[in-house]
PDB file of N, CA and C in Angstrom:
ATOM      1  N   UNK A   1       0.840  -1.170   0.000  1.00  0.00           N
ATOM      2  CA  UNK A   1       0.000   0.000   0.000  1.00  0.00           C
ATOM      3  C   UNK A   1       0.890   1.239   0.000  1.00  0.00           C
ATOM      4  N   UNK A   2       0.626   2.147  -0.866  1.00  0.00           N
ATOM      5  CA  UNK A   2       1.427   3.365  -0.952  1.00  0.00           C
ATOM      6  C   UNK A   2       1.130   4.271   0.234  1.00  0.00           C
ATOM      7  N   UNK A   3       2.147   4.981   0.680  1.00  0.00           N
ATOM      8  CA  UNK A   3       1.967   5.882   1.803  1.00  0.00           C
ATOM      9  C   UNK A   3       0.906   6.916   1.447  1.00  0.00           C
ATOM     10  N   UNK A   4       0.084   7.273   2.431  1.00  0.00           N
ATOM     11  CA  UNK A   4      -0.977   8.250   2.195  1.00  0.00           C
ATOM     12  C   UNK A   4      -2.298   7.616   1.816  1.00  0.00           C
ATOM     13  N   UNK A   5      -2.352   6.314   1.704  1.00  0.00           N
ATOM     14  CA  UNK A   5      -3.607   5.643   1.371  1.00  0.00           C
ATOM     15  C   UNK A   5      -4.022   4.692   2.492  1.00  0.00           C
ATOM     16  N   UNK A   6      -3.805   5.114   3.715  1.00  0.00           N
ATOM     17  CA  UNK A   6      -4.145   4.275   4.865  1.00  0.00           C
ATOM     18  C   UNK A   6      -5.643   3.974   4.888  1.00  0.00           C
ATOM     19  N   UNK A   7      -5.954   2.779   5.297  1.00  0.00           N
ATOM     20  CA  UNK A   7      -7.350   2.376   5.417  1.00  0.00           C
ATOM     21  C   UNK A   7      -7.972   3.020   6.650  1.00  0.00           C
ATOM     22  N   UNK A   8      -9.274   2.940   6.729  1.00  0.00           N
ATOM     23  CA  UNK A   8     -10.011   3.417   7.894  1.00  0.00           C
ATOM     24  C   UNK A   8     -10.657   2.234   8.590  1.00  0.00           C
ATOM     25  N   UNK A   9     -10.887   2.374   9.875  1.00  0.00           N
ATOM     26  CA  UNK A   9     -11.447   1.276  10.668  1.00  0.00           C
ATOM     27  C   UNK A   9     -12.487   1.788  11.640  1.00  0.00           C
ATOM     28  N   UNK A  10     -13.469   0.959  11.906  1.00  0.00           N
ATOM     29  CA  UNK A  10     -14.351   1.148  13.040  1.00  0.00           C
ATOM     30  C   UNK A  10     -13.914   0.122  14.068  1.00  0.00           C
ATOM     31  N   UNK A  11     -13.632   0.565  15.276  1.00  0.00           N
ATOM     32  CA  UNK A  11     -13.350  -0.326  16.389  1.00  0.00           C
ATOM     33  C   UNK A  11     -14.548  -0.195  17.319  1.00  0.00           C
ATOM     34  N   UNK A  12     -15.242  -1.304  17.507  1.00  0.00           N
ATOM     35  CA  UNK A  12     -16.531  -1.295  18.204  1.00  0.00           C
ATOM     36  C   UNK A  12     -16.493  -2.290  19.359  1.00  0.00           C
ATOM     37  N   UNK A  13     -16.918  -1.831  20.525  1.00  0.00           N
ATOM     38  CA  UNK A  13     -17.069  -2.698  21.702  1.00  0.00           C
ATOM     39  C   UNK A  13     -18.502  -2.539  22.173  1.00  0.00           C
ATOM     40  N   UNK A  14     -19.218  -3.646  22.335  1.00  0.00           N
ATOM     41  CA  UNK A  14     -20.664  -3.597  22.550  1.00  0.00           C
ATOM     42  C   UNK A  14     -21.098  -4.501  23.699  1.00  0.00           C
ATOM     43  N   UNK A  15     -22.037  -4.017  24.489  1.00  0.00           N
ATOM     44  CA  UNK A  15     -22.815  -4.837  25.412  1.00  0.00           C
ATOM     45  C   UNK A  15     -24.255  -4.773  24.919  1.00  0.00           C
ATOM     46  N   UNK A  16     -24.792  -5.907  24.524  1.00  0.00           N
ATOM     47  CA  UNK A  16     -26.158  -5.979  23.998  1.00  0.00           C
ATOM     48  C   UNK A  16     -27.132  -6.114  25.166  1.00  0.00           C
ATOM     49  N   UNK A  17     -28.144  -5.241  25.199  1.00  0.00           N
ATOM     50  CA  UNK A  17     -29.175  -5.315  26.225  1.00  0.00           C
ATOM     51  C   UNK A  17     -30.503  -5.832  25.681  1.00  0.00           C
ATOM     52  N   UNK A  18     -30.731  -5.652  24.384  1.00  0.00           N
ATOM     53  CA  UNK A  18     -31.969  -6.109  23.746  1.00  0.00           C
ATOM     54  C   UNK A  18     -31.562  -6.877  22.486  1.00  0.00           C
ATOM     55  N   UNK A  19     -31.551  -8.200  22.594  1.00  0.00           N
ATOM     56  CA  UNK A  19     -31.047  -9.045  21.510  1.00  0.00           C
ATOM     57  C   UNK A  19     -31.851  -8.865  20.220  1.00  0.00           C
ATOM     58  N   UNK A  20     -33.154  -8.696  20.315  1.00  0.00           N
ATOM     59  CA  UNK A  20     -33.976  -8.536  19.110  1.00  0.00           C
ATOM     60  C   UNK A  20     -33.682  -7.215  18.399  1.00  0.00           C
ATOM     61  N   UNK A  21     -33.549  -6.144  19.157  1.00  0.00           N
ATOM     62  CA  UNK A  21     -33.224  -4.848  18.561  1.00  0.00           C
ATOM     63  C   UNK A  21     -31.840  -4.893  17.923  1.00  0.00           C
ATOM     64  N   UNK A  22     -30.885  -5.524  18.592  1.00  0.00           N
ATOM     65  CA  UNK A  22     -29.532  -5.617  18.044  1.00  0.00           C
ATOM     66  C   UNK A  22     -29.511  -6.475  16.787  1.00  0.00           C
ATOM     67  N   UNK A  23     -30.306  -7.533  16.771  1.00  0.00           N
ATOM     68  CA  UNK A  23     -30.400  -8.396  15.595  1.00  0.00           C
ATOM     69  C   UNK A  23     -30.953  -7.609  14.397  1.00  0.00           C
ATOM     70  N   UNK A  24     -31.963  -6.775  14.627  1.00  0.00           N
ATOM     71  CA  UNK A  24     -32.521  -5.944  13.549  1.00  0.00           C
ATOM     72  C   UNK A  24     -31.467  -4.987  13.004  1.00  0.00           C
ATOM     73  N   UNK A  25     -30.705  -4.382  13.907  1.00  0.00           N
ATOM     74  CA  UNK A  25     -29.622  -3.484  13.508  1.00  0.00           C
ATOM     75  C   UNK A  25     -28.561  -4.230  12.695  1.00  0.00           C
ATOM     76  N   UNK A  26     -28.127  -5.383  13.198  1.00  0.00           N
ATOM     77  CA  UNK A  26     -27.078  -6.154  12.521  1.00  0.00           C
ATOM     78  C   UNK A  26     -27.531  -6.609  11.134  1.00  0.00           C
ATOM     79  N   UNK A  27     -28.820  -6.883  10.981  1.00  0.00           N
ATOM     80  CA  UNK A  27     -29.342  -7.288   9.671  1.00  0.00           C
ATOM     81  C   UNK A  27     -29.373  -6.119   8.694  1.00  0.00           C
ATOM     82  N   UNK A  28     -29.522  -4.904   9.209  1.00  0.00           N
ATOM     83  CA  UNK A  28     -29.657  -3.728   8.350  1.00  0.00           C
ATOM     84  C   UNK A  28     -28.353  -3.002   8.067  1.00  0.00           C
ATOM     85  N   UNK A  29     -27.333  -3.145   8.916  1.00  0.00           N
ATOM     86  CA  UNK A  29     -26.134  -2.326   8.747  1.00  0.00           C
ATOM     87  C   UNK A  29     -25.266  -2.756   7.567  1.00  0.00           C
ATOM     88  N   UNK A  30     -25.420  -3.966   7.093  1.00  0.00           N
ATOM     89  CA  UNK A  30     -24.598  -4.461   5.992  1.00  0.00           C
ATOM     90  C   UNK A  30     -24.721  -3.643   4.717  1.00  0.00           C
ATOM     91  N   UNK A  31     -25.890  -3.078   4.450  1.00  0.00           N
ATOM     92  CA  UNK A  31     -26.072  -2.266   3.240  1.00  0.00           C
ATOM     93  C   UNK A  31     -25.164  -1.040   3.266  1.00  0.00           C
ATOM     94  N   UNK A  32     -25.060  -0.400   4.423  1.00  0.00           N
ATOM     95  CA  UNK A  32     -24.181   0.773   4.542  1.00  0.00           C
ATOM     96  C   UNK A  32     -22.718   0.363   4.425  1.00  0.00           C
ATOM     97  N   UNK A  33     -22.343  -0.735   5.090  1.00  0.00           N
ATOM     98  CA  UNK A  33     -20.958  -1.178   5.005  1.00  0.00           C
ATOM     99  C   UNK A  33     -20.583  -1.511   3.564  1.00  0.00           C
ATOM    100  N   UNK A  34     -21.464  -2.195   2.854  1.00  0.00           N
ATOM    101  CA  UNK A  34     -21.194  -2.548   1.461  1.00  0.00           C
ATOM    102  C   UNK A  34     -21.058  -1.293   0.593  1.00  0.00           C
ATOM    103  N   UNK A  35     -21.920  -0.324   0.786  1.00  0.00           N
ATOM    104  CA  UNK A  35     -21.876   0.898  -0.026  1.00  0.00           C
ATOM    105  C   UNK A  35     -20.554   1.641   0.142  1.00  0.00           C
ATOM    106  N   UNK A  36     -19.979   1.607   1.340  1.00  0.00           N
ATOM    107  CA  UNK A  36     -18.749   2.353   1.608  1.00  0.00           C
ATOM    108  C   UNK A  36     -17.506   1.472   1.621  1.00  0.00           C
ATOM    109  N   UNK A  37     -17.643   0.236   1.147  1.00  0.00           N
ATOM    110  CA  UNK A  37     -16.487  -0.652   1.017  1.00  0.00           C
ATOM    111  C   UNK A  37     -16.037  -1.290   2.318  1.00  0.00           C
ATOM    112  N   UNK A  38     -16.902  -1.318   3.326  1.00  0.00           N
ATOM    113  CA  UNK A  38     -16.547  -1.906   4.609  1.00  0.00           C
ATOM    114  C   UNK A  38     -16.584  -3.421   4.567  1.00  0.00           C
ATOM    115  N   UNK A  39     -15.692  -4.019   5.352  1.00  0.00           N
ATOM    116  CA  UNK A  39     -15.707  -5.480   5.501  1.00  0.00           C
ATOM    117  C   UNK A  39     -15.302  -5.819   6.929  1.00  0.00           C
ATOM    118  N   UNK A  40     -15.943  -6.834   7.463  1.00  0.00           N
ATOM    119  CA  UNK A  40     -15.668  -7.237   8.834  1.00  0.00           C
ATOM    120  C   UNK A  40     -14.330  -7.957   8.928  1.00  0.00           C
ATOM    121  N   UNK A  41     -13.486  -7.513   9.846  1.00  0.00           N
ATOM    122  CA  UNK A  41     -12.267  -8.228  10.195  1.00  0.00           C
ATOM    123  C   UNK A  41     -12.500  -9.029  11.467  1.00  0.00           C
ATOM    124  N   UNK A  42     -13.303  -8.471  12.360  1.00  0.00           N
ATOM    125  CA  UNK A  42     -13.699  -9.134  13.598  1.00  0.00           C
ATOM    126  C   UNK A  42     -15.187  -8.891  13.755  1.00  0.00           C
ATOM    127  N   UNK A  43     -15.926  -9.952  14.083  1.00  0.00           N
ATOM    128  CA  UNK A  43     -17.365  -9.812  14.297  1.00  0.00           C
ATOM    129  C   UNK A  43     -17.763 -10.801  15.387  1.00  0.00           C
ATOM    130  N   UNK A  44     -17.556 -10.373  16.632  1.00  0.00           N
ATOM    131  CA  UNK A  44     -17.784 -11.282  17.761  1.00  0.00           C
ATOM    132  C   UNK A  44     -16.580 -12.182  17.912  1.00  0.00           C
ATOM    133  N   UNK A  45     -16.812 -13.413  18.283  1.00  0.00           N
ATOM    134  CA  UNK A  45     -15.729 -14.381  18.406  1.00  0.00           C
ATOM    135  C   UNK A  45     -15.098 -14.395  19.784  1.00  0.00           C
ATOM    136  N   UNK A  46     -14.257 -15.384  19.981  1.00  0.00           N
ATOM    137  CA  UNK A  46     -13.578 -15.561  21.267  1.00  0.00           C
ATOM    138  C   UNK A  46     -12.609 -14.407  21.513  1.00  0.00           C
ATOM    139  N   UNK A  47     -12.479 -14.043  22.774  1.00  0.00           N
ATOM    140  CA  UNK A  47     -11.517 -13.003  23.140  1.00  0.00           C
ATOM    141  C   UNK A  47     -11.116 -13.191  24.595  1.00  0.00           C
ATOM    142  N   UNK A  48     -10.029 -12.575  24.957  1.00  0.00           N
ATOM    143  CA  UNK A  48      -9.581 -12.530  26.347  1.00  0.00           C
ATOM    144  C   UNK A  48      -9.175 -11.098  26.642  1.00  0.00           C
ATOM    145  N   UNK A  49      -9.798 -10.510  27.623  1.00  0.00           N
ATOM    146  CA  UNK A  49      -9.432  -9.155  28.046  1.00  0.00           C
ATOM    147  C   UNK A  49      -8.174  -9.261  28.899  1.00  0.00           C
ATOM    148  N   UNK A  50      -7.037  -8.977  28.311  1.00  0.00           N
ATOM    149  CA  UNK A  50      -5.767  -9.141  29.025  1.00  0.00           C
ATOM    150  C   UNK A  50      -5.441  -7.939  29.907  1.00  0.00           C
ATOM    151  N   UNK A  51      -6.083  -6.817  29.666  1.00  0.00           N
ATOM    152  CA  UNK A  51      -5.964  -5.649  30.532  1.00  0.00           C
ATOM    153  C   UNK A  51      -7.137  -4.721  30.224  1.00  0.00           C
ATOM    154  N   UNK A  52      -7.529  -3.917  31.167  1.00  0.00           N
ATOM    155  CA  UNK A  52      -8.621  -2.971  30.955  1.00  0.00           C
ATOM    156  C   UNK A  52      -9.987  -3.628  31.054  1.00  0.00           C
ATOM    157  N   UNK A  53     -10.987  -2.847  30.704  1.00  0.00           N
ATOM    158  CA  UNK A  53     -12.377  -3.279  30.787  1.00  0.00           C
ATOM    159  C   UNK A  53     -12.840  -3.780  29.430  1.00  0.00           C
ATOM    160  N   UNK A  54     -13.536  -4.901  29.450  1.00  0.00           N
ATOM    161  CA  UNK A  54     -14.042  -5.481  28.195  1.00  0.00           C
ATOM    162  C   UNK A  54     -15.554  -5.305  28.110  1.00  0.00           C
ATOM    163  N   UNK A  55     -16.043  -5.413  26.908  1.00  0.00           N
ATOM    164  CA  UNK A  55     -17.481  -5.527  26.667  1.00  0.00           C
ATOM    165  C   UNK A  55     -17.715  -6.920  26.111  1.00  0.00           C
ATOM    166  N   UNK A  56     -18.963  -7.318  26.007  1.00  0.00           N
ATOM    167  CA  UNK A  56     -19.273  -8.706  25.644  1.00  0.00           C
ATOM    168  C   UNK A  56     -19.088  -9.015  24.164  1.00  0.00           C
ATOM    169  N   UNK A  57     -19.050  -7.992  23.313  1.00  0.00           N
ATOM    170  CA  UNK A  57     -18.927  -8.221  21.871  1.00  0.00           C
ATOM    171  C   UNK A  57     -17.960  -7.198  21.297  1.00  0.00           C
ATOM    172  N   UNK A  58     -17.098  -7.642  20.375  1.00  0.00           N
ATOM    173  CA  UNK A  58     -16.107  -6.775  19.744  1.00  0.00           C
ATOM    174  C   UNK A  58     -16.203  -6.912  18.234  1.00  0.00           C
ATOM    175  N   UNK A  59     -16.095  -5.782  17.537  1.00  0.00           N
ATOM    176  CA  UNK A  59     -16.211  -5.762  16.081  1.00  0.00           C
ATOM    177  C   UNK A  59     -15.165  -4.805  15.523  1.00  0.00           C
ATOM    178  N   UNK A  60     -14.522  -5.205  14.435  1.00  0.00           N
ATOM    179  CA  UNK A  60     -13.640  -4.297  13.690  1.00  0.00           C
ATOM    180  C   UNK A  60     -14.068  -4.361  12.236  1.00  0.00           C
ATOM    181  N   UNK A  61     -14.378  -3.190  11.678  1.00  0.00           N
ATOM    182  CA  UNK A  61     -14.772  -3.078  10.277  1.00  0.00           C
ATOM    183  C   UNK A  61     -13.699  -2.276   9.555  1.00  0.00           C
ATOM    184  N   UNK A  62     -13.187  -2.817   8.455  1.00  0.00           N
ATOM    185  CA  UNK A  62     -12.150  -2.152   7.663  1.00  0.00           C
ATOM    186  C   UNK A  62     -12.797  -1.471   6.461  1.00  0.00           C
ATOM    187  N   UNK A  63     -12.349  -0.260   6.161  1.00  0.00           N
ATOM    188  CA  UNK A  63     -12.813   0.507   4.999  1.00  0.00           C
ATOM    189  C   UNK A  63     -11.614   0.861   4.126  1.00  0.00           C
ATOM    190  N   UNK A  64     -11.840   1.153   2.855  1.00  0.00           N
ATOM    191  CA  UNK A  64     -10.715   1.474   1.970  1.00  0.00           C
ATOM    192  C   UNK A  64      -9.953   2.733   2.374  1.00  0.00           C
ATOM    193  N   UNK A  65     -10.582   3.615   3.158  1.00  0.00           N
ATOM    194  CA  UNK A  65      -9.927   4.847   3.600  1.00  0.00           C
ATOM    195  C   UNK A  65     -10.614   5.359   4.862  1.00  0.00           C
ATOM    196  N   UNK A  66      -9.935   6.244   5.553  1.00  0.00           N
ATOM    197  CA  UNK A  66     -10.506   6.912   6.722  1.00  0.00           C
ATOM    198  C   UNK A  66     -11.736   7.719   6.311  1.00  0.00           C
ATOM    199  N   UNK A  67     -11.645   8.398   5.164  1.00  0.00           N
ATOM    200  CA  UNK A  67     -12.773   9.194   4.683  1.00  0.00           C
ATOM    201  C   UNK A  67     -13.998   8.310   4.436  1.00  0.00           C
ATOM    202  N   UNK A  68     -13.799   7.113   3.887  1.00  0.00           N
ATOM    203  CA  UNK A  68     -14.921   6.192   3.646  1.00  0.00           C
ATOM    204  C   UNK A  68     -15.513   5.714   4.966  1.00  0.00           C
ATOM    205  N   UNK A  69     -14.657   5.462   5.958  1.00  0.00           N
ATOM    206  CA  UNK A  69     -15.140   5.028   7.270  1.00  0.00           C
ATOM    207  C   UNK A  69     -16.010   6.105   7.916  1.00  0.00           C
ATOM    208  N   UNK A  70     -15.562   7.351   7.846  1.00  0.00           N
ATOM    209  CA  UNK A  70     -16.354   8.455   8.390  1.00  0.00           C
ATOM    210  C   UNK A  70     -17.632   8.680   7.591  1.00  0.00           C
ATOM    211  N   UNK A  71     -17.528   8.601   6.270  1.00  0.00           N
ATOM    212  CA  UNK A  71     -18.711   8.803   5.422  1.00  0.00           C
ATOM    213  C   UNK A  71     -19.775   7.753   5.728  1.00  0.00           C
ATOM    214  N   UNK A  72     -19.356   6.528   5.962  1.00  0.00           N
ATOM    215  CA  UNK A  72     -20.305   5.474   6.315  1.00  0.00           C
ATOM    216  C   UNK A  72     -21.009   5.825   7.615  1.00  0.00           C
ATOM    217  N   UNK A  73     -20.236   6.207   8.630  1.00  0.00           N
ATOM    218  CA  UNK A  73     -20.831   6.563   9.920  1.00  0.00           C
ATOM    219  C   UNK A  73     -21.875   7.670   9.764  1.00  0.00           C
ATOM    220  N   UNK A  74     -21.560   8.688   9.002  1.00  0.00           N
ATOM    221  CA  UNK A  74     -22.438   9.849   8.858  1.00  0.00           C
ATOM    222  C   UNK A  74     -23.575   9.642   7.854  1.00  0.00           C
ATOM    223  N   UNK A  75     -23.551   8.540   7.122  1.00  0.00           N
ATOM    224  CA  UNK A  75     -24.557   8.327   6.078  1.00  0.00           C
ATOM    225  C   UNK A  75     -25.944   8.088   6.653  1.00  0.00           C
ATOM    226  N   UNK A  76     -26.947   8.524   5.904  1.00  0.00           N
ATOM    227  CA  UNK A  76     -28.338   8.255   6.278  1.00  0.00           C
ATOM    228  C   UNK A  76     -28.595   6.753   6.326  1.00  0.00           C
ATOM    229  N   UNK A  77     -27.958   6.009   5.425  1.00  0.00           N
ATOM    230  CA  UNK A  77     -28.152   4.557   5.360  1.00  0.00           C
ATOM    231  C   UNK A  77     -27.708   3.901   6.667  1.00  0.00           C
ATOM    232  N   UNK A  78     -26.524   4.263   7.178  1.00  0.00           N
ATOM    233  CA  UNK A  78     -26.067   3.673   8.432  1.00  0.00           C
ATOM    234  C   UNK A  78     -26.887   4.185   9.611  1.00  0.00           C
ATOM    235  N   UNK A  79     -27.164   5.471   9.655  1.00  0.00           N
ATOM    236  CA  UNK A  79     -27.911   6.025  10.780  1.00  0.00           C
ATOM    237  C   UNK A  79     -29.319   5.425  10.865  1.00  0.00           C
ATOM    238  N   UNK A  80     -29.895   5.071   9.735  1.00  0.00           N
ATOM    239  CA  UNK A  80     -31.197   4.387   9.738  1.00  0.00           C
ATOM    240  C   UNK A  80     -31.076   3.002  10.361  1.00  0.00           C
ATOM    241  N   UNK A  81     -30.016   2.287  10.022  1.00  0.00           N
ATOM    242  CA  UNK A  81     -29.783   0.966  10.619  1.00  0.00           C
ATOM    243  C   UNK A  81     -29.539   1.116  12.117  1.00  0.00           C
ATOM    244  N   UNK A  82     -28.749   2.089  12.486  1.00  0.00           N
ATOM    245  CA  UNK A  82     -28.412   2.318  13.894  1.00  0.00           C
ATOM    246  C   UNK A  82     -29.658   2.620  14.722  1.00  0.00           C
ATOM    247  N   UNK A  83     -30.601   3.346  14.133  1.00  0.00           N
ATOM    248  CA  UNK A  83     -31.833   3.692  14.842  1.00  0.00           C
ATOM    249  C   UNK A  83     -32.649   2.452  15.223  1.00  0.00           C
ATOM    250  N   UNK A  84     -32.472   1.352  14.500  1.00  0.00           N
ATOM    251  CA  UNK A  84     -33.214   0.126  14.783  1.00  0.00           C
ATOM    252  C   UNK A  84     -32.842  -0.485  16.134  1.00  0.00           C
ATOM    253  N   UNK A  85     -31.642  -0.207  16.626  1.00  0.00           N
ATOM    254  CA  UNK A  85     -31.233  -0.790  17.905  1.00  0.00           C
ATOM    255  C   UNK A  85     -31.164   0.243  19.028  1.00  0.00           C
ATOM    256  N   UNK A  86     -31.781   1.383  18.819  1.00  0.00           N
ATOM    257  CA  UNK A  86     -31.771   2.442  19.835  1.00  0.00           C
ATOM    258  C   UNK A  86     -32.157   1.863  21.185  1.00  0.00           C
ATOM    259  N   UNK A  87     -31.257   1.961  22.150  1.00  0.00           N
ATOM    260  CA  UNK A  87     -31.512   1.421  23.474  1.00  0.00           C
ATOM    261  C   UNK A  87     -31.249  -0.067  23.598  1.00  0.00           C
ATOM    262  N   UNK A  88     -30.935  -0.727  22.494  1.00  0.00           N
ATOM    263  CA  UNK A  88     -30.707  -2.167  22.517  1.00  0.00           C
ATOM    264  C   UNK A  88     -29.286  -2.559  22.846  1.00  0.00           C
ATOM    265  N   UNK A  89     -28.369  -1.585  22.823  1.00  0.00           N
ATOM    266  CA  UNK A  89     -26.967  -1.894  23.091  1.00  0.00           C
ATOM    267  C   UNK A  89     -26.259  -0.644  23.597  1.00  0.00           C
ATOM    268  N   UNK A  90     -25.268  -0.880  24.423  1.00  0.00           N
ATOM    269  CA  UNK A  90     -24.362   0.186  24.846  1.00  0.00           C
ATOM    270  C   UNK A  90     -23.046  -0.083  24.135  1.00  0.00           C
ATOM    271  N   UNK A  91     -22.534   0.915  23.435  1.00  0.00           N
ATOM    272  CA  UNK A  91     -21.357   0.680  22.600  1.00  0.00           C
ATOM    273  C   UNK A  91     -20.351   1.809  22.708  1.00  0.00           C
ATOM    274  N   UNK A  92     -19.089   1.443  22.535  1.00  0.00           N
ATOM    275  CA  UNK A  92     -17.992   2.386  22.328  1.00  0.00           C
ATOM    276  C   UNK A  92     -17.570   2.179  20.884  1.00  0.00           C
ATOM    277  N   UNK A  93     -17.591   3.244  20.091  1.00  0.00           N
ATOM    278  CA  UNK A  93     -17.226   3.134  18.680  1.00  0.00           C
ATOM    279  C   UNK A  93     -16.198   4.211  18.365  1.00  0.00           C
ATOM    280  N   UNK A  94     -15.085   3.785  17.797  1.00  0.00           N
ATOM    281  CA  UNK A  94     -14.038   4.706  17.382  1.00  0.00           C
ATOM    282  C   UNK A  94     -13.838   4.527  15.882  1.00  0.00           C
ATOM    283  N   UNK A  95     -13.866   5.622  15.135  1.00  0.00           N
ATOM    284  CA  UNK A  95     -13.510   5.600  13.714  1.00  0.00           C
ATOM    285  C   UNK A  95     -12.076   6.119  13.664  1.00  0.00           C
ATOM    286  N   UNK A  96     -11.183   5.311  13.103  1.00  0.00           N
ATOM    287  CA  UNK A  96      -9.760   5.616  13.202  1.00  0.00           C
ATOM    288  C   UNK A  96      -9.048   5.372  11.876  1.00  0.00           C
ATOM    289  N   UNK A  97      -8.055   6.187  11.610  1.00  0.00           N
ATOM    290  CA  UNK A  97      -7.230   6.020  10.422  1.00  0.00           C
ATOM    291  C   UNK A  97      -6.180   4.951  10.686  1.00  0.00           C
ATOM    292  N   UNK A  98      -6.012   4.061   9.730  1.00  0.00           N
ATOM    293  CA  UNK A  98      -4.996   3.023   9.844  1.00  0.00           C
ATOM    294  C   UNK A  98      -3.596   3.607   9.735  1.00  0.00           C
ATOM    295  N   UNK A  99      -2.631   2.822  10.110  1.00  0.00           N
ATOM    296  CA  UNK A  99      -1.224   3.223  10.059  1.00  0.00           C
ATOM    297  C   UNK A  99      -0.605   2.670   8.791  1.00  0.00           C
ATOM    298  N   UNK A 100       0.074   3.533   8.065  1.00  0.00           N
ATOM    299  CA  UNK A 100       0.651   3.151   6.780  1.00  0.00           C
ATOM    300  C   UNK A 100       2.153   3.435   6.737  1.00  0.00           C
ATOM    301  N   UNK A 101       2.813   3.431   7.893  1.00  0.00           N
ATOM    302  CA  UNK A 101       4.230   3.766   7.959  1.00  0.00           C
ATOM    303  C   UNK A 101       5.111   2.546   8.155  1.00  0.00           C
ATOM    304  N   UNK A 102       6.356   2.788   8.517  1.00  0.00           N
ATOM    305  CA  UNK A 102       7.317   1.697   8.710  1.00  0.00           C
ATOM    306  C   UNK A 102       6.870   0.740   9.808  1.00  0.00           C
ATOM    307  N   UNK A 103       7.254  -0.488   9.676  1.00  0.00           N
ATOM    308  CA  UNK A 103       6.942  -1.527  10.652  1.00  0.00           C
ATOM    309  C   UNK A 103       8.227  -1.994  11.322  1.00  0.00           C
ATOM    310  N   UNK A 104       8.118  -2.630  12.491  1.00  0.00           N
ATOM    311  CA  UNK A 104       9.313  -3.160  13.154  1.00  0.00           C
ATOM    312  C   UNK A 104      10.026  -4.149  12.242  1.00  0.00           C
ATOM    313  N   UNK A 105      11.337  -4.162  12.324  1.00  0.00           N
ATOM    314  CA  UNK A 105      12.136  -5.058  11.506  1.00  0.00           C
ATOM    315  C   UNK A 105      12.372  -6.377  12.227  1.00  0.00           C
ATOM    316  N   UNK A 106      12.434  -7.445  11.472  1.00  0.00           N
ATOM    317  CA  UNK A 106      12.688  -8.765  12.037  1.00  0.00           C
ATOM    318  C   UNK A 106      14.045  -8.801  12.719  1.00  0.00           C
ATOM    319  N   UNK A 107      14.980  -7.992  12.262  1.00  0.00           N
ATOM    320  CA  UNK A 107      16.341  -8.025  12.801  1.00  0.00           C
ATOM    321  C   UNK A 107      16.471  -7.309  14.148  1.00  0.00           C
ATOM    322  N   UNK A 108      15.399  -6.682  14.635  1.00  0.00           N
ATOM    323  CA  UNK A 108      15.484  -6.038  15.944  1.00  0.00           C
ATOM    324  C   UNK A 108      15.688  -7.093  17.014  1.00  0.00           C
ATOM    325  N   UNK A 109      16.487  -6.788  18.035  1.00  0.00           N
ATOM    326  CA  UNK A 109      16.759  -7.796  19.071  1.00  0.00           C
ATOM    327  C   UNK A 109      15.481  -8.122  19.865  1.00  0.00           C
ATOM    328  N   UNK A 110      15.383  -9.377  20.276  1.00  0.00           N
ATOM    329  CA  UNK A 110      14.255  -9.807  21.093  1.00  0.00           C
ATOM    330  C   UNK A 110      14.399  -9.228  22.485  1.00  0.00           C
ATOM    331  N   UNK A 111      13.267  -8.991  23.162  1.00  0.00           N
ATOM    332  CA  UNK A 111      13.367  -8.473  24.528  1.00  0.00           C
ATOM    333  C   UNK A 111      14.031  -9.472  25.456  1.00  0.00           C
ATOM    334  N   UNK A 112      14.683  -8.974  26.469  1.00  0.00           N
ATOM    335  CA  UNK A 112      15.317  -9.824  27.463  1.00  0.00           C
ATOM    336  C   UNK A 112      14.232 -10.443  28.329  1.00  0.00           C
ATOM    337  N   UNK A 113      14.267 -11.758  28.544  1.00  0.00           N
ATOM    338  CA  UNK A 113      13.236 -12.382  29.401  1.00  0.00           C
ATOM    339  C   UNK A 113      13.178 -11.701  30.764  1.00  0.00           C
ATOM    340  N   UNK A 114      11.957 -11.449  31.213  1.00  0.00           N
ATOM    341  CA  UNK A 114      11.772 -10.808  32.502  1.00  0.00           C
ATOM    342  C   UNK A 114      11.740  -9.286  32.428  1.00  0.00           C
ATOM    343  N   UNK A 115      12.108  -8.721  31.289  1.00  0.00           N
ATOM    344  CA  UNK A 115      12.080  -7.256  31.145  1.00  0.00           C
ATOM    345  C   UNK A 115      10.625  -6.807  31.035  1.00  0.00           C
ATOM    346  N   UNK A 116      10.340  -5.618  31.487  1.00  0.00           N
ATOM    347  CA  UNK A 116       8.983  -5.065  31.388  1.00  0.00           C
ATOM    348  C   UNK A 116       8.607  -4.910  29.930  1.00  0.00           C
ATOM    349  N   UNK A 117       7.366  -5.215  29.629  1.00  0.00           N
ATOM    350  CA  UNK A 117       6.887  -5.067  28.251  1.00  0.00           C
ATOM    351  C   UNK A 117       5.915  -3.908  28.161  1.00  0.00           C
ATOM    352  N   UNK A 118       5.643  -3.455  26.942  1.00  0.00           N
ATOM    353  CA  UNK A 118       4.708  -2.348  26.721  1.00  0.00           C
ATOM    354  C   UNK A 118       3.289  -2.834  26.834  1.00  0.00           C
TER     355      UNK A 118
END
């Protein structure tokens, strides 16, 4: 991927309170994701909260760009789907730009056993 074309992501953490309302929302949100090029990378599944506070469901949606991720969120199509679960879930949602810069090199030395980690 060329620099400057970082993807966009929705990072979603959800506690469902009304399963039927959430099911209606989940059935309707796919149209908005498809229109803006979104695809699920994580949609529920097993997890372990290794630090911090967890919610019962986790979702990551990838978009071709940060602008597409924001446009999807602000679209009437998505907001209509979202309205279907009003009060059915408590969620934390972050729309974030992906990182398109240098990555750690394989040749970097391994951490010393017992050393504090990040």
